[in-house]
Amino acid sequence: MDIKNVADSMVFHDNTFTKRVLFSSKDVLCFLLNMKRGHVLPVHKHENSSLVMTVLSGSGEIQINDEVEKLVKGSVVYAKGED
């Protein structure tokens, strides 16, 4: 068993988002993206895996294909790898 505290990985920079990997193995990848207002994650796909994303604080928007949705603290998103 491995336990981590998310707060330990909440590291912010003014000019770009940060990514902190919490767990990584052959079957699992769990990471934390830390973003400030105005930060943008480049458009990309996760073709070989699905994605579950939880908003821990703040708000923003996510675009999957042509669909744009508003996210707020507590939102959970599931996207299939081909999306």
N, C-alpha and C. Protein backbone atom coordinates (compact mmCIF):
# COMPACT_ATOMS: atom_id res chain seq x y z
N MET A 1 0.86 -1.17 0.00
CA MET A 1 0.00 0.00 0.00
C MET A 1 0.90 1.23 0.00
N ASP A 2 0.46 2.24 -0.75
CA ASP A 2 1.19 3.51 -0.80
C ASP A 2 0.17 4.62 -0.63
N ILE A 3 0.40 5.51 0.30
CA ILE A 3 -0.52 6.61 0.59
C ILE A 3 0.23 7.93 0.42
N LYS A 4 -0.39 8.86 -0.27
CA LYS A 4 0.20 10.18 -0.46
C LYS A 4 -0.83 11.24 -0.08
N ASN A 5 -0.34 12.40 0.30
CA ASN A 5 -1.19 13.54 0.60
C ASN A 5 -1.14 14.50 -0.57
N VAL A 6 -2.28 14.77 -1.18
CA VAL A 6 -2.36 15.64 -2.35
C VAL A 6 -1.76 17.02 -2.05
N ALA A 7 -1.95 17.51 -0.86
CA ALA A 7 -1.46 18.85 -0.51
C ALA A 7 0.05 18.95 -0.69
N ASP A 8 0.77 17.87 -0.52
CA ASP A 8 2.22 17.88 -0.69
C ASP A 8 2.62 18.12 -2.14
N SER A 9 1.73 17.87 -3.07
CA SER A 9 2.03 18.04 -4.50
C SER A 9 1.39 19.28 -5.10
N MET A 10 0.76 20.09 -4.29
CA MET A 10 0.15 21.33 -4.80
C MET A 10 1.23 22.41 -4.86
N VAL A 11 1.87 22.49 -6.03
CA VAL A 11 2.95 23.43 -6.29
C VAL A 11 2.54 24.27 -7.49
N PHE A 12 2.50 25.57 -7.32
CA PHE A 12 2.04 26.47 -8.39
C PHE A 12 3.17 27.37 -8.87
N HIS A 13 3.16 27.66 -10.18
CA HIS A 13 4.07 28.63 -10.77
C HIS A 13 3.23 29.66 -11.51
N ASP A 14 3.71 30.87 -11.58
CA ASP A 14 2.95 31.95 -12.20
C ASP A 14 2.82 31.80 -13.71
N ASN A 15 3.86 31.27 -14.39
CA ASN A 15 3.84 31.30 -15.85
C ASN A 15 3.36 30.02 -16.53
N THR A 16 3.22 28.92 -15.79
CA THR A 16 2.77 27.67 -16.41
C THR A 16 2.20 26.72 -15.35
N PHE A 17 1.45 25.74 -15.81
CA PHE A 17 0.93 24.73 -14.88
C PHE A 17 2.06 23.79 -14.47
N THR A 18 1.87 23.08 -13.37
CA THR A 18 2.83 22.06 -12.95
C THR A 18 2.13 20.71 -12.90
N LYS A 19 2.89 19.67 -13.16
CA LYS A 19 2.38 18.29 -13.10
C LYS A 19 3.22 17.53 -12.09
N ARG A 20 2.56 16.92 -11.13
CA ARG A 20 3.24 16.13 -10.11
C ARG A 20 2.66 14.71 -10.13
N VAL A 21 3.49 13.72 -10.42
CA VAL A 21 3.05 12.32 -10.47
C VAL A 21 2.97 11.79 -9.05
N LEU A 22 1.79 11.24 -8.70
CA LEU A 22 1.59 10.65 -7.38
C LEU A 22 1.89 9.15 -7.40
N PHE A 23 1.36 8.45 -8.40
CA PHE A 23 1.58 7.01 -8.54
C PHE A 23 1.81 6.70 -10.01
N SER A 24 2.74 5.81 -10.28
CA SER A 24 2.99 5.40 -11.65
C SER A 24 3.44 3.94 -11.67
N SER A 25 2.72 3.13 -12.45
CA SER A 25 3.07 1.73 -12.63
C SER A 25 2.62 1.31 -14.02
N LYS A 26 2.77 0.04 -14.34
CA LYS A 26 2.35 -0.46 -15.65
C LYS A 26 0.85 -0.24 -15.88
N ASP A 27 0.05 -0.35 -14.82
CA ASP A 27 -1.41 -0.29 -14.95
C ASP A 27 -2.04 1.02 -14.51
N VAL A 28 -1.31 1.86 -13.78
CA VAL A 28 -1.91 3.06 -13.18
C VAL A 28 -0.99 4.26 -13.32
N LEU A 29 -1.60 5.38 -13.66
CA LEU A 29 -0.90 6.65 -13.61
C LEU A 29 -1.83 7.65 -12.93
N CYS A 30 -1.38 8.22 -11.84
CA CYS A 30 -2.16 9.21 -11.10
C CYS A 30 -1.29 10.44 -10.91
N PHE A 31 -1.77 11.58 -11.39
CA PHE A 31 -0.98 12.79 -11.28
C PHE A 31 -1.86 13.97 -10.91
N LEU A 32 -1.22 15.03 -10.47
CA LEU A 32 -1.90 16.25 -10.08
C LEU A 32 -1.45 17.37 -11.01
N LEU A 33 -2.40 18.03 -11.66
CA LEU A 33 -2.10 19.22 -12.45
C LEU A 33 -2.47 20.44 -11.62
N ASN A 34 -1.52 21.33 -11.42
CA ASN A 34 -1.74 22.55 -10.65
C ASN A 34 -1.77 23.72 -11.64
N MET A 35 -2.90 24.41 -11.69
CA MET A 35 -3.06 25.49 -12.66
C MET A 35 -3.57 26.74 -11.97
N LYS A 36 -3.04 27.88 -12.43
CA LYS A 36 -3.53 29.18 -11.96
C LYS A 36 -4.41 29.78 -13.06
N ARG A 37 -5.14 30.82 -12.69
CA ARG A 37 -5.99 31.52 -13.66
C ARG A 37 -5.16 31.89 -14.89
N GLY A 38 -5.71 31.56 -16.06
CA GLY A 38 -5.05 31.89 -17.31
C GLY A 38 -4.17 30.78 -17.87
N HIS A 39 -3.85 29.78 -17.08
CA HIS A 39 -3.05 28.66 -17.59
C HIS A 39 -3.92 27.79 -18.51
N VAL A 40 -3.29 27.29 -19.57
CA VAL A 40 -4.00 26.46 -20.55
C VAL A 40 -3.20 25.19 -20.78
N LEU A 41 -3.90 24.07 -20.78
CA LEU A 41 -3.28 22.79 -21.10
C LEU A 41 -3.45 22.57 -22.59
N PRO A 42 -2.37 22.29 -23.32
CA PRO A 42 -2.50 22.08 -24.77
C PRO A 42 -3.46 20.94 -25.10
N VAL A 43 -4.15 21.06 -26.23
CA VAL A 43 -5.06 20.02 -26.69
C VAL A 43 -4.25 18.74 -26.94
N HIS A 44 -4.76 17.63 -26.42
CA HIS A 44 -4.09 16.34 -26.60
C HIS A 44 -5.07 15.21 -26.35
N LYS A 45 -4.67 13.98 -26.66
CA LYS A 45 -5.51 12.80 -26.44
C LYS A 45 -4.76 11.79 -25.59
N HIS A 46 -5.53 10.93 -24.95
CA HIS A 46 -5.00 9.79 -24.21
C HIS A 46 -5.52 8.55 -24.93
N GLU A 47 -4.94 8.24 -26.07
CA GLU A 47 -5.49 7.22 -26.95
C GLU A 47 -5.49 5.81 -26.37
N ASN A 48 -4.56 5.51 -25.48
CA ASN A 48 -4.45 4.15 -24.96
C ASN A 48 -5.03 3.98 -23.57
N SER A 49 -5.68 5.02 -23.06
CA SER A 49 -6.26 4.91 -21.72
C SER A 49 -7.38 5.93 -21.57
N SER A 50 -8.26 5.67 -20.63
CA SER A 50 -9.30 6.63 -20.29
C SER A 50 -8.76 7.56 -19.20
N LEU A 51 -9.48 8.64 -18.96
CA LEU A 51 -9.02 9.66 -18.02
C LEU A 51 -10.14 9.99 -17.05
N VAL A 52 -9.81 10.06 -15.77
CA VAL A 52 -10.72 10.56 -14.75
C VAL A 52 -10.04 11.77 -14.13
N MET A 53 -10.73 12.89 -14.12
CA MET A 53 -10.16 14.13 -13.58
C MET A 53 -11.12 14.71 -12.55
N THR A 54 -10.56 15.10 -11.40
CA THR A 54 -11.34 15.71 -10.32
C THR A 54 -10.81 17.10 -10.05
N VAL A 55 -11.70 18.09 -9.98
CA VAL A 55 -11.31 19.46 -9.67
C VAL A 55 -11.29 19.61 -8.15
N LEU A 56 -10.10 19.87 -7.60
CA LEU A 56 -9.95 19.98 -6.15
C LEU A 56 -10.25 21.38 -5.63
N SER A 57 -9.98 22.39 -6.46
CA SER A 57 -10.30 23.77 -6.07
C SER A 57 -10.39 24.62 -7.33
N GLY A 58 -11.04 25.75 -7.21
CA GLY A 58 -11.15 26.67 -8.34
C GLY A 58 -12.19 26.24 -9.35
N SER A 59 -12.06 26.77 -10.56
CA SER A 59 -12.99 26.47 -11.65
C SER A 59 -12.29 26.68 -12.98
N GLY A 60 -12.92 26.21 -14.03
CA GLY A 60 -12.36 26.38 -15.37
C GLY A 60 -13.24 25.70 -16.39
N GLU A 61 -12.69 25.49 -17.56
CA GLU A 61 -13.42 24.84 -18.64
C GLU A 61 -12.59 23.70 -19.18
N ILE A 62 -13.29 22.69 -19.69
CA ILE A 62 -12.63 21.58 -20.38
C ILE A 62 -13.31 21.40 -21.72
N GLN A 63 -12.50 21.11 -22.74
CA GLN A 63 -13.04 20.81 -24.06
C GLN A 63 -12.64 19.40 -24.43
N ILE A 64 -13.63 18.58 -24.74
CA ILE A 64 -13.42 17.24 -25.24
C ILE A 64 -14.12 17.16 -26.58
N ASN A 65 -13.33 16.95 -27.62
CA ASN A 65 -13.81 17.04 -29.01
C ASN A 65 -14.41 18.43 -29.20
N ASP A 66 -15.67 18.55 -29.59
CA ASP A 66 -16.28 19.87 -29.81
C ASP A 66 -17.10 20.35 -28.63
N GLU A 67 -17.09 19.59 -27.54
CA GLU A 67 -17.92 19.90 -26.38
C GLU A 67 -17.10 20.62 -25.31
N VAL A 68 -17.59 21.78 -24.88
CA VAL A 68 -16.94 22.57 -23.83
C VAL A 68 -17.85 22.59 -22.61
N GLU A 69 -17.29 22.27 -21.46
CA GLU A 69 -18.06 22.24 -20.22
C GLU A 69 -17.35 23.05 -19.14
N LYS A 70 -18.13 23.71 -18.30
CA LYS A 70 -17.61 24.44 -17.15
C LYS A 70 -17.37 23.46 -16.01
N LEU A 71 -16.25 23.59 -15.34
CA LEU A 71 -15.92 22.75 -14.20
C LEU A 71 -15.75 23.62 -12.96
N VAL A 72 -16.19 23.10 -11.82
CA VAL A 72 -16.05 23.81 -10.55
C VAL A 72 -15.49 22.83 -9.52
N LYS A 73 -15.12 23.35 -8.37
CA LYS A 73 -14.62 22.50 -7.30
C LYS A 73 -15.59 21.33 -7.07
N GLY A 74 -15.05 20.12 -7.08
CA GLY A 74 -15.86 18.93 -6.88
C GLY A 74 -16.29 18.25 -8.18
N SER A 75 -16.12 18.91 -9.33
CA SER A 75 -16.47 18.27 -10.60
C SER A 75 -15.57 17.08 -10.86
N VAL A 76 -16.15 16.02 -11.41
CA VAL A 76 -15.39 14.85 -11.81
C VAL A 76 -15.71 14.57 -13.28
N VAL A 77 -14.68 14.42 -14.10
CA VAL A 77 -14.83 14.19 -15.53
C VAL A 77 -14.29 12.81 -15.87
N TYR A 78 -15.04 12.08 -16.70
CA TYR A 78 -14.56 10.81 -17.25
C TYR A 78 -14.53 10.97 -18.76
N ALA A 79 -13.40 10.69 -19.37
CA ALA A 79 -13.27 10.76 -20.82
C ALA A 79 -12.65 9.47 -21.34
N LYS A 80 -13.24 8.91 -22.37
CA LYS A 80 -12.68 7.72 -23.00
C LYS A 80 -11.42 8.10 -23.75
N GLY A 81 -10.51 7.18 -23.87
CA GLY A 81 -9.23 7.47 -24.52
C GLY A 81 -9.36 7.99 -25.94
N GLU A 82 -10.37 7.53 -26.64
CA GLU A 82 -10.52 8.00 -28.04
C GLU A 82 -11.16 9.38 -28.14
N ASP A 83 -11.65 9.94 -27.02
CA ASP A 83 -12.26 11.29 -27.03
C ASP A 83 -11.19 12.36 -27.13
